[in-house]
Structure formats: structure tokens, C-alpha cells
Amino acid sequence: MTAAGKKEEKEVGVYKMVKLELKSKSENKTTFIVKESSPAYSNALRRIILGEVPVMAIEEVEFRKNNSALYDEVVAHRLGLVPMSTDLKSYELPQGPEDIEEKKAKCTVQFTLKEKGPKTVYASDLKTKDPKIKPIYPKMPIVKLLKDQEIELIATAILGLGKNHSKWSPCHVWYTYYPKLTINNKDIENYKELYPPQAFNKKGKLDEKEILENNLVDAVAHVNEDIVKVEYDDTSYLFHIESWGQLSPKEIITEALGIFNNKLDELNALVK
């Protein structure tokens, strides 16, 4: 790491000579720039975010009773797709079935469900043995029970990876070359109807911040280059992360960069 890199570390973060700069964030969405990078690095980071950041998801379901209209397999499938809050500090990623048995308390959480109709069973009806691990969206419907219909089961959530199944993927992530916008609002009134309304600020002017935050670069490019000219920096990449809720975008990015750095360290050791 260079002296200049150390100086900037607190502001944007420096990982293996690649700098990150935050552009915008909300509870489940974050946009940031990866600077001084390449397509290979950026795509590797995207793949790690999607496939190697571990999250909790229900993997096994033991049915004690189910006379609802849905087969056991359908209910189990729905349960597996319920996003679960994840605590990476308290749980470990199992390396295989034997590891799960040996470290059950460190990599699994059990849920119980016992309901009788008439009612709609929601994700919130799952009773967890760890308050930190629970459904992100309580009102996700699982099954509708008619009068006298019952469902009783034990579900086991396991820490897993998105590369093994999409239910363990923590987010949706994509990136583009970082766009450089040159905006001239001088004749905007004659072309206003050709641009999406979300691209304008409260003063009725095209605004770079609004265009980037709403992912409208392609929508404003080529309409009139005298008003909006778009150029791309092929060494900087604009990343967008939309978390499903298991982890915050910050936790996802931090974990992914840690995994990436470990892989680079391993490769460096092999090369040496």
C-alpha cells in the first residue's frame, strides 16, 4: 500500500491497491465506486458477493403434521426461500455434512411451526431458538389453512453460499463503467419531455446525483449530447447492491472484500 493510499484509507477504504468510494446508501441499497480497477477484478468481486458471502437459509424441514392443500415439498420450498437475518459473528460456515453434525450449534438454527386453521400461516409464525436469526419479511405467506387443517414442523436453517443455491445469495449486484456526465440545462425546456422525470432535481433541472442514484445513465444518454454528454472511465466501476435483507450492504461488501483478500493472499503464497 502506498503512502497516499494509507492517507486515503479512512475516507474510501483501500483493499489491495483498489479504492472504494461511497456514492449513496439506504437501508438495503448502496452505490459505490471501485477505483483504479479492471474488468477482471470487478467481475471477480461481483461473483464473490453473489456466491461466497454466507447467509442463513432453511435447508431441512421435518414434518410432523400437514393436511393443508400444499404438499410437504412445496411448503419446504417456500420456507427455504424466506430470507433470514444472519449473524456472521456468532455462526460459522460448515465445510460439509460431517462439519454440520460436529458444529451444529455454530452453523445451524432450528425453527418450529405449529398452526391450526382457519388462518394464513406467515413467516412470522416460525418460532426461532435464536432471536438474532428470524425472517426478514414477517408477512411472507407460507400456506393457507382451512378449518381443521393443521401444520406442524421443525425447520433447520444453515449458513450457506449462493454458489450452491440461490437461496443463500445475499443480494442483487451489478456494475457498469463509471460514467462522467457533462450537463447543460440551458435548453432543457425544449427537451424536458424526452428525459425521465426522476432525472430532475427539485428545481426542475437535470441533476447528476439523481441520474446516478436512479440508474438512469442509459436513459439520458444520446437524447441530446449538447444537454447531457456521457463518457465512461474504464478504470472505475459503479457498483449497485440491493440486499435481500439477511445482511446490510455494508456487511456484504466488507465480507466480500475480506474473502477476496484472503484468496489473493493464498494466490500470492502459491506464486512465491
Protein backbone atom coordinates (compact mmCIF):
# COMPACT_ATOMS: atom_id res chain seq x y z
CA MET A 1 0.00 0.00 0.00
CA THR A 2 1.39 3.42 -0.94
CA ALA A 3 1.71 6.35 1.46
CA ALA A 4 -1.05 8.12 -0.46
CA GLY A 5 -3.19 5.00 -0.14
CA LYS A 6 -2.70 4.92 3.63
CA LYS A 7 -3.71 8.57 3.84
CA GLU A 8 -6.99 7.91 1.99
CA GLU A 9 -7.84 4.64 3.74
CA LYS A 10 -10.18 6.17 6.32
CA GLU A 11 -12.13 8.04 3.66
CA VAL A 12 -12.75 5.48 0.96
CA GLY A 13 -11.12 2.24 2.08
CA VAL A 14 -8.18 0.64 0.32
CA TYR A 15 -8.07 -3.06 -0.47
CA LYS A 16 -5.12 -4.45 -2.41
CA MET A 17 -4.50 -1.05 -4.05
CA VAL A 18 -8.17 -0.76 -5.10
CA LYS A 19 -10.07 2.19 -3.67
CA LEU A 20 -13.75 2.30 -2.80
CA GLU A 21 -15.79 5.49 -2.71
CA LEU A 22 -19.35 5.54 -1.40
CA LYS A 23 -21.85 7.37 -3.63
CA SER A 24 -25.18 6.72 -1.90
CA LYS A 25 -26.73 4.39 0.63
CA SER A 26 -30.06 3.47 2.21
CA GLU A 27 -31.17 0.61 4.44
CA ASN A 28 -30.93 -2.09 1.76
CA LYS A 29 -29.32 -0.30 -1.20
CA THR A 30 -25.80 1.01 -1.69
CA THR A 31 -23.95 2.50 -4.64
CA PHE A 32 -20.17 2.80 -4.61
CA ILE A 33 -17.25 3.27 -6.99
CA VAL A 34 -14.35 0.85 -7.31
CA LYS A 35 -11.43 2.97 -8.48
CA GLU A 36 -8.16 2.01 -10.19
CA SER A 37 -9.62 -1.37 -11.08
CA SER A 38 -10.09 -3.63 -14.11
CA PRO A 39 -12.93 -5.72 -15.59
CA ALA A 40 -11.31 -8.88 -14.18
CA TYR A 41 -11.15 -7.54 -10.61
CA SER A 42 -14.63 -6.02 -10.75
CA ASN A 43 -16.27 -9.17 -12.08
CA ALA A 44 -14.43 -11.32 -9.53
CA LEU A 45 -15.72 -9.05 -6.76
CA ARG A 46 -19.27 -9.29 -8.15
CA ARG A 47 -19.09 -13.10 -8.26
CA ILE A 48 -17.78 -13.28 -4.68
CA ILE A 49 -20.58 -11.00 -3.46
CA LEU A 50 -23.21 -13.20 -5.14
CA GLY A 51 -21.77 -16.61 -4.43
CA GLU A 52 -19.38 -16.60 -1.47
CA VAL A 53 -20.79 -14.28 1.18
CA PRO A 54 -22.56 -16.70 3.58
CA VAL A 55 -26.11 -16.17 4.83
CA MET A 56 -28.70 -18.24 6.70
CA ALA A 57 -31.47 -20.13 4.90
CA ILE A 58 -33.70 -23.08 5.80
CA GLU A 59 -32.24 -26.28 4.36
CA GLU A 60 -34.01 -29.15 6.16
CA VAL A 61 -37.67 -29.49 7.17
CA GLU A 62 -39.11 -32.32 9.27
CA PHE A 63 -42.91 -32.52 9.01
CA ARG A 64 -44.85 -33.82 11.99
CA LYS A 65 -48.25 -33.00 10.51
CA ASN A 66 -49.50 -31.40 7.30
CA ASN A 67 -53.03 -31.82 5.94
CA SER A 68 -53.07 -28.47 4.12
CA ALA A 69 -53.65 -28.14 0.37
CA LEU A 70 -49.89 -27.96 -0.26
CA TYR A 71 -47.56 -30.95 -0.41
CA ASP A 72 -44.69 -31.15 2.08
CA GLU A 73 -42.20 -30.43 -0.73
CA VAL A 74 -43.98 -27.20 -1.71
CA VAL A 75 -44.09 -25.91 1.87
CA ALA A 76 -40.42 -26.83 2.37
CA HIS A 77 -39.50 -24.99 -0.85
CA ARG A 78 -41.33 -21.86 0.33
CA LEU A 79 -39.61 -22.00 3.71
CA GLY A 80 -36.22 -22.27 2.03
CA LEU A 81 -36.84 -19.02 0.14
CA VAL A 82 -37.69 -16.98 3.26
CA PRO A 83 -34.77 -14.53 3.81
CA MET A 84 -33.35 -14.92 7.34
CA SER A 85 -31.37 -12.35 9.29
CA THR A 86 -27.76 -13.50 9.59
CA ASP A 87 -25.19 -13.11 12.35
CA LEU A 88 -21.75 -13.86 10.88
CA LYS A 89 -20.00 -13.22 14.19
CA SER A 90 -21.85 -15.98 16.05
CA TYR A 91 -22.07 -18.63 13.32
CA GLU A 92 -19.54 -20.50 11.16
CA LEU A 93 -19.81 -21.74 7.59
CA PRO A 94 -19.82 -25.58 7.62
CA GLN A 95 -17.37 -27.31 5.27
CA GLY A 96 -19.55 -30.38 4.78
CA PRO A 97 -22.23 -32.68 6.31
CA GLU A 98 -19.83 -34.01 8.94
CA ASP A 99 -18.90 -30.47 9.93
CA ILE A 100 -22.59 -29.65 10.40
CA GLU A 101 -23.01 -32.54 12.83
CA GLU A 102 -19.86 -31.62 14.80
CA LYS A 103 -20.61 -27.89 14.94
CA LYS A 104 -24.41 -27.92 14.87
CA ALA A 105 -24.76 -25.10 17.42
CA LYS A 106 -22.27 -22.93 15.47
CA CYS A 107 -23.73 -23.24 11.99
CA THR A 108 -27.44 -24.11 12.34
CA VAL A 109 -30.61 -22.66 13.91
CA GLN A 110 -33.89 -24.52 14.46
CA PHE A 111 -37.37 -23.12 13.86
CA THR A 112 -40.67 -24.66 14.90
CA LEU A 113 -44.09 -24.13 13.37
CA LYS A 114 -47.40 -25.37 14.77
CA GLU A 115 -50.62 -23.79 13.49
CA LYS A 116 -54.25 -24.76 13.02
CA GLY A 117 -56.77 -23.25 10.56
CA PRO A 118 -58.64 -21.39 9.51
CA LYS A 119 -55.79 -18.90 9.03
CA THR A 120 -52.96 -17.87 6.76
CA VAL A 121 -49.59 -19.00 8.07
CA TYR A 122 -46.93 -16.31 7.70
CA ALA A 123 -43.16 -16.33 8.13
CA SER A 124 -43.67 -14.57 11.47
CA ASP A 125 -45.33 -17.76 12.79
CA LEU A 126 -41.96 -19.51 12.71
CA LYS A 127 -40.60 -19.71 16.25
CA THR A 128 -36.83 -19.35 16.42
CA LYS A 129 -34.41 -20.60 19.07
CA ASP A 130 -32.12 -17.62 18.42
CA PRO A 131 -33.78 -14.15 18.37
CA LYS A 132 -30.96 -12.87 16.14
CA ILE A 133 -31.98 -15.27 13.36
CA LYS A 134 -35.52 -14.61 12.18
CA PRO A 135 -37.49 -13.94 8.97
CA ILE A 136 -36.72 -10.55 7.43
CA TYR A 137 -40.22 -10.16 5.99
CA PRO A 138 -42.74 -11.37 8.63
CA LYS A 139 -45.75 -11.14 6.29
CA MET A 140 -44.42 -13.58 3.68
CA PRO A 141 -47.25 -16.16 3.33
CA ILE A 142 -46.28 -19.82 3.75
CA VAL A 143 -49.61 -21.68 3.46
CA LYS A 144 -53.32 -21.02 3.88
CA LEU A 145 -55.07 -23.39 6.27
CA LEU A 146 -58.80 -24.10 6.06
CA LYS A 147 -60.93 -25.12 9.04
CA ASP A 148 -59.42 -28.02 11.00
CA GLN A 149 -56.34 -28.14 8.75
CA GLU A 150 -53.06 -28.27 10.66
CA ILE A 151 -49.35 -27.95 10.02
CA GLU A 152 -46.54 -28.85 12.41
CA LEU A 153 -42.85 -28.98 11.53
CA ILE A 154 -39.26 -28.40 12.60
CA ALA A 155 -37.07 -26.46 10.17
CA THR A 156 -33.29 -26.15 10.31
CA ALA A 157 -31.55 -23.08 8.88
CA ILE A 158 -27.91 -23.48 7.86
CA LEU A 159 -25.24 -20.98 6.94
CA GLY A 160 -24.56 -21.49 3.21
CA LEU A 161 -23.25 -19.98 -0.03
CA GLY A 162 -25.06 -18.60 -3.05
CA LYS A 163 -22.85 -20.61 -5.43
CA ASN A 164 -24.51 -23.75 -4.03
CA HIS A 165 -28.09 -22.44 -4.15
CA SER A 166 -29.62 -19.04 -4.88
CA LYS A 167 -31.49 -19.05 -1.53
CA TRP A 168 -28.09 -18.35 0.08
CA SER A 169 -27.37 -15.37 -2.17
CA PRO A 170 -27.31 -12.17 -0.05
CA CYS A 171 -28.22 -9.60 -2.69
CA HIS A 172 -28.60 -8.46 -6.26
CA VAL A 173 -25.41 -6.76 -7.51
CA TRP A 174 -24.35 -5.29 -10.83
CA TYR A 175 -21.79 -2.79 -12.11
CA THR A 176 -21.00 -0.57 -15.07
CA TYR A 177 -18.09 1.58 -16.16
CA TYR A 178 -18.24 4.77 -14.13
CA PRO A 179 -19.99 7.44 -16.20
CA LYS A 180 -18.77 11.02 -16.46
CA LEU A 181 -21.68 13.37 -17.10
CA THR A 182 -21.45 16.81 -18.64
CA ILE A 183 -24.82 18.54 -18.12
CA ASN A 184 -26.00 21.80 -19.69
CA ASN A 185 -29.54 22.79 -18.66
CA LYS A 186 -29.62 25.86 -20.90
CA ASP A 187 -32.14 24.49 -23.46
CA ILE A 188 -33.73 21.86 -21.24
CA GLU A 189 -37.28 23.23 -21.58
CA ASN A 190 -37.38 22.21 -25.25
CA TYR A 191 -36.33 18.63 -24.46
CA LYS A 192 -37.78 18.09 -20.98
CA GLU A 193 -40.38 15.53 -22.09
CA LEU A 194 -37.65 13.30 -23.56
CA TYR A 195 -35.95 12.72 -20.22
CA PRO A 196 -37.31 10.60 -17.33
CA PRO A 197 -38.81 12.74 -14.53
CA GLN A 198 -36.61 11.00 -11.93
CA ALA A 199 -33.53 12.58 -13.56
CA PHE A 200 -34.58 16.08 -12.45
CA ASN A 201 -33.94 17.71 -9.09
CA LYS A 202 -36.49 19.75 -7.13
CA LYS A 203 -35.61 22.85 -9.16
CA GLY A 204 -36.57 21.13 -12.40
CA LYS A 205 -33.00 20.76 -13.65
CA LEU A 206 -31.24 17.60 -14.80
CA ASP A 207 -29.06 16.53 -11.91
CA GLU A 208 -26.08 14.14 -11.94
CA LYS A 209 -26.85 12.83 -8.45
CA GLU A 210 -30.44 11.96 -9.37
CA ILE A 211 -29.35 10.31 -12.63
CA LEU A 212 -26.77 8.10 -10.90
CA GLU A 213 -28.90 7.18 -7.87
CA ASN A 214 -31.84 6.18 -10.09
CA ASN A 215 -29.62 4.30 -12.57
CA LEU A 216 -30.74 6.48 -15.48
CA VAL A 217 -27.47 6.95 -17.35
CA ASP A 218 -28.62 4.93 -20.37
CA ALA A 219 -31.96 6.76 -20.34
CA VAL A 220 -30.37 10.21 -20.64
CA ALA A 221 -27.51 9.28 -23.00
CA HIS A 222 -27.89 10.09 -26.72
CA VAL A 223 -31.07 12.16 -26.29
CA ASN A 224 -29.17 15.37 -26.91
CA GLU A 225 -25.43 15.43 -26.30
CA ASP A 226 -25.48 19.22 -26.08
CA ILE A 227 -27.57 18.83 -22.93
CA VAL A 228 -26.21 15.58 -21.45
CA LYS A 229 -22.96 14.08 -22.69
CA VAL A 230 -21.96 10.72 -21.23
CA GLU A 231 -18.38 9.43 -21.23
CA TYR A 232 -17.02 6.38 -19.38
CA ASP A 233 -13.92 5.85 -17.26
CA ASP A 234 -12.59 2.35 -17.99
CA THR A 235 -10.59 2.27 -14.73
CA SER A 236 -13.53 2.99 -12.41
CA TYR A 237 -16.68 0.91 -11.89
CA LEU A 238 -20.02 1.92 -10.45
CA PHE A 239 -21.41 -0.90 -8.27
CA HIS A 240 -25.03 -1.21 -7.16
CA ILE A 241 -26.00 -3.55 -4.32
CA GLU A 242 -29.59 -4.34 -3.35
CA SER A 243 -29.63 -6.57 -0.25
CA TRP A 244 -32.41 -9.11 0.27
CA GLY A 245 -32.16 -8.21 3.98
CA GLN A 246 -30.10 -11.03 5.51
CA LEU A 247 -27.10 -8.69 5.77
CA SER A 248 -26.74 -4.95 5.31
CA PRO A 249 -24.94 -3.75 2.14
CA LYS A 250 -22.01 -2.66 4.31
CA GLU A 251 -21.71 -6.14 5.85
CA ILE A 252 -21.90 -7.74 2.40
CA ILE A 253 -19.17 -5.50 0.96
CA THR A 254 -16.90 -5.90 3.99
CA GLU A 255 -17.27 -9.70 3.99
CA ALA A 256 -16.75 -9.96 0.22
CA LEU A 257 -13.59 -7.84 0.30
CA GLY A 258 -12.24 -9.92 3.18
CA ILE A 259 -12.88 -13.13 1.22
CA PHE A 260 -11.30 -11.62 -1.90
CA ASN A 261 -8.21 -10.51 0.00
CA ASN A 262 -7.80 -13.98 1.52
CA LYS A 263 -7.94 -15.50 -1.96
CA LEU A 264 -5.31 -13.05 -3.20
CA ASP A 265 -3.10 -13.82 -0.20
CA GLU A 266 -3.41 -17.56 -0.93
CA LEU A 267 -2.52 -17.00 -4.58
CA ASN A 268 0.43 -14.82 -3.61
CA ALA A 269 1.72 -17.53 -1.26
CA LEU A 270 1.43 -20.16 -4.02
CA VAL A 271 3.28 -17.95 -6.50
CA LYS A 272 6.11 -17.40 -4.03
